[in-house]
Amino acid sequence: MQPPPPLMDGPLVMALDEAIRALGRFDGAVRHLPDATLLIYSYVRKEAVLSSQIEGTQSSLTDLMRHELGAAPGVPLDDVLEVSQYVAALDHAVARMADPAGLPLCNRLLREAHRILLTGARGADKRPGEFRTSQNWIGGRRPGTAVFVPPPATEAHAAISELGVQQDPRSACMQHSLARPS
């Protein structure tokens, strides 16, 4: 059973409108930077640290940058390597989307990124590059007490396919969020 589409009522439309305006302001600011790749570099690494912490990884942005510079991080190396793989997976996905002969945001690209994410990291034995086959959740000891429960494994492939970002050119907000500054 599919969840109903989001109700585009006043508050949601206003929030979407504000998000689009914020992206416009951000785009304007980025255009004045001498090198926007430095901003992207920092943002990608901060996102990698925060997302990896959901899985219990104990690595800070400083630990990651020390590792990238060849210095010893202040946490177990496995944790820093896991965050480093997150960065590699994201960089791979962005490069594939930016390449005219590459891929749009799609199941195949997500599986490629997942394979890179789990290479040599915790979870390397958990079917890298494949969709999950069991239910997972974030927070709590079981789905009933979790903070977030994604669709069941039997619906994951279809749910990801339905994102449909690459088929909907009308979503300027989504298309902008996938673009890299030039």
Protein backbone atom coordinates (compact mmCIF):
# COMPACT_ATOMS: atom_id res chain seq x y z
CA MET A 1 0.00 0.00 0.00
CA GLN A 2 1.48 3.30 -1.09
CA PRO A 3 1.38 6.31 1.20
CA PRO A 4 -0.86 9.11 -0.02
CA PRO A 5 0.86 11.93 -1.89
CA PRO A 6 1.74 14.92 0.29
CA LEU A 7 -1.10 17.37 0.75
CA MET A 8 0.02 20.60 -0.87
CA ASP A 9 -1.80 22.86 1.56
CA GLY A 10 -0.91 26.42 2.54
CA PRO A 11 1.85 25.66 5.06
CA LEU A 12 3.55 23.11 2.80
CA VAL A 13 3.38 25.40 -0.22
CA MET A 14 4.80 28.24 1.88
CA ALA A 15 7.63 26.01 3.14
CA LEU A 16 8.45 24.86 -0.41
CA ASP A 17 8.37 28.47 -1.60
CA GLU A 18 10.75 29.51 1.20
CA ALA A 19 13.09 26.62 0.32
CA ILE A 20 13.19 27.74 -3.32
CA ARG A 21 13.90 31.34 -2.26
CA ALA A 22 16.66 30.15 0.09
CA LEU A 23 18.24 28.14 -2.73
CA GLY A 24 18.13 31.24 -4.91
CA ARG A 25 19.88 33.29 -2.22
CA PHE A 26 22.45 30.53 -1.75
CA ASP A 27 23.03 30.30 -5.51
CA GLY A 28 23.58 34.06 -5.66
CA ALA A 29 26.07 33.94 -2.80
CA VAL A 30 27.98 30.98 -4.27
CA ARG A 31 28.40 32.80 -7.57
CA HIS A 32 30.47 35.44 -5.74
CA LEU A 33 32.89 32.95 -4.18
CA PRO A 34 36.32 32.79 -5.77
CA ASP A 35 36.22 28.97 -5.58
CA ALA A 36 32.88 27.30 -4.84
CA THR A 37 34.53 23.89 -4.69
CA LEU A 38 35.94 24.78 -1.26
CA LEU A 39 32.42 25.25 0.07
CA ILE A 40 31.31 21.97 -1.50
CA TYR A 41 34.40 20.21 -0.11
CA SER A 42 33.55 21.30 3.44
CA TYR A 43 29.83 20.64 3.12
CA VAL A 44 30.29 17.11 1.75
CA ARG A 45 32.61 16.20 4.59
CA LYS A 46 30.36 17.67 7.27
CA GLU A 47 27.40 15.76 5.80
CA ALA A 48 29.47 12.57 5.73
CA VAL A 49 30.35 12.96 9.41
CA LEU A 50 26.75 13.69 10.48
CA SER A 51 25.23 10.90 8.39
CA SER A 52 27.81 8.38 9.58
CA GLN A 53 27.05 9.27 13.19
CA ILE A 54 23.53 7.88 12.66
CA GLU A 55 25.23 4.48 12.33
CA GLY A 56 27.22 5.01 15.52
CA THR A 57 30.45 6.14 13.89
CA GLN A 58 32.57 8.22 16.25
CA SER A 59 34.45 10.53 13.92
CA SER A 60 34.55 14.30 13.79
CA LEU A 61 35.21 16.62 10.88
CA THR A 62 38.66 17.23 12.37
CA ASP A 63 39.34 13.46 12.48
CA LEU A 64 38.35 13.13 8.82
CA MET A 65 40.50 16.04 7.70
CA ARG A 66 43.48 14.78 9.73
CA HIS A 67 43.09 11.40 8.01
CA GLU A 68 42.90 13.04 4.57
CA LEU A 69 46.11 14.93 5.34
CA GLY A 70 47.86 11.71 6.38
CA ALA A 71 47.85 12.46 10.12
CA ALA A 72 46.53 10.12 12.79
CA PRO A 73 42.89 10.80 13.70
CA GLY A 74 41.84 10.95 17.35
CA VAL A 75 39.39 8.05 16.98
CA PRO A 76 39.65 4.46 15.72
CA LEU A 77 40.80 4.36 12.10
CA ASP A 78 37.81 2.19 11.10
CA ASP A 79 35.44 5.02 12.01
CA VAL A 80 37.35 7.56 9.93
CA LEU A 81 37.59 5.15 7.00
CA GLU A 82 33.81 4.71 7.09
CA VAL A 83 33.29 8.48 6.84
CA SER A 84 35.91 8.63 4.10
CA GLN A 85 33.95 6.01 2.13
CA TYR A 86 30.81 8.14 2.50
CA VAL A 87 32.69 11.04 0.89
CA ALA A 88 33.92 8.76 -1.92
CA ALA A 89 30.39 7.45 -2.56
CA LEU A 90 28.90 10.94 -2.71
CA ASP A 91 31.70 12.24 -4.94
CA HIS A 92 31.15 9.27 -7.27
CA ALA A 93 27.39 9.89 -7.51
CA VAL A 94 27.80 13.62 -8.15
CA ALA A 95 30.43 12.98 -10.83
CA ARG A 96 28.21 10.41 -12.56
CA MET A 97 25.27 12.86 -12.58
CA ALA A 98 27.45 15.72 -13.87
CA ASP A 99 28.85 13.60 -16.73
CA PRO A 100 26.66 13.90 -19.85
CA ALA A 101 27.28 10.19 -20.50
CA GLY A 102 26.71 9.35 -16.83
CA LEU A 103 23.53 8.55 -14.94
CA PRO A 104 20.63 10.53 -13.53
CA LEU A 105 19.58 10.01 -9.92
CA CYS A 106 18.26 6.45 -10.24
CA ASN A 107 18.34 3.02 -8.61
CA ARG A 108 21.49 1.99 -10.48
CA LEU A 109 23.40 5.07 -9.33
CA LEU A 110 22.24 4.62 -5.74
CA ARG A 111 23.41 0.99 -5.82
CA GLU A 112 26.81 2.09 -7.19
CA ALA A 113 27.16 4.64 -4.40
CA HIS A 114 26.07 2.06 -1.81
CA ARG A 115 28.73 -0.37 -3.06
CA ILE A 116 31.41 2.31 -2.65
CA LEU A 117 30.06 3.34 0.76
CA LEU A 118 30.39 -0.18 2.17
CA THR A 119 33.71 -1.11 0.54
CA GLY A 120 36.18 -1.86 3.32
CA ALA A 121 33.85 -0.41 5.96
CA ARG A 122 31.49 -1.68 8.61
CA GLY A 123 28.72 -3.42 6.72
CA ALA A 124 30.96 -4.70 3.90
CA ASP A 125 29.35 -8.11 4.47
CA LYS A 126 25.82 -6.71 4.16
CA ARG A 127 25.27 -6.95 0.40
CA PRO A 128 27.00 -3.77 -0.86
CA GLY A 129 25.28 -2.32 -3.89
CA GLU A 130 22.02 -4.17 -3.31
CA PHE A 131 18.70 -3.16 -1.83
CA ARG A 132 18.06 -4.33 1.70
CA THR A 133 15.99 -7.43 2.34
CA SER A 134 14.94 -6.74 5.94
CA GLN A 135 13.29 -3.84 7.73
CA ASN A 136 15.50 -1.19 9.26
CA TRP A 137 14.85 1.95 11.30
CA ILE A 138 16.59 4.87 12.96
CA GLY A 139 16.42 5.36 16.72
CA GLY A 140 14.63 3.11 19.15
CA ARG A 141 15.01 -0.61 19.75
CA ARG A 142 12.27 -1.64 17.33
CA PRO A 143 10.19 -0.03 14.58
CA GLY A 144 7.37 0.83 17.00
CA THR A 145 9.66 3.09 19.05
CA ALA A 146 11.85 4.35 16.19
CA VAL A 147 12.27 7.97 15.20
CA PHE A 148 12.08 7.02 11.51
CA VAL A 149 10.96 3.84 9.77
CA PRO A 150 11.48 3.69 5.99
CA PRO A 151 9.24 1.62 3.71
CA PRO A 152 9.44 -2.16 4.21
CA ALA A 153 12.17 -3.97 2.29
CA THR A 154 9.60 -5.40 -0.11
CA GLU A 155 8.67 -1.82 -1.12
CA ALA A 156 12.12 -0.18 -1.00
CA HIS A 157 12.99 -0.65 -4.69
CA ALA A 158 9.65 0.76 -5.86
CA ALA A 159 9.77 3.63 -3.36
CA ILE A 160 13.20 4.68 -4.58
CA SER A 161 12.07 4.37 -8.20
CA GLU A 162 9.12 6.63 -7.47
CA LEU A 163 11.41 9.47 -6.46
CA GLY A 164 11.33 10.22 -10.18
CA VAL A 165 13.59 13.25 -9.91
CA GLN A 166 15.13 12.67 -13.33
CA GLN A 167 11.71 12.42 -14.99
CA ASP A 168 10.30 15.65 -13.55
CA PRO A 169 12.04 18.69 -15.02
CA ARG A 170 9.40 20.93 -13.41
CA SER A 171 11.04 20.62 -10.00
CA ALA A 172 13.50 23.48 -10.21
CA CYS A 173 14.19 23.12 -6.50
CA MET A 174 15.21 19.46 -6.84
CA GLN A 175 17.16 19.97 -10.05
CA HIS A 176 19.04 22.90 -8.46
CA SER A 177 19.90 20.81 -5.41
CA LEU A 178 21.55 18.20 -7.66
CA ALA A 179 23.58 20.70 -9.70
CA ARG A 180 27.13 21.67 -8.92
CA PRO A 181 28.19 25.31 -9.10
CA SER A 182 30.37 26.05 -12.11
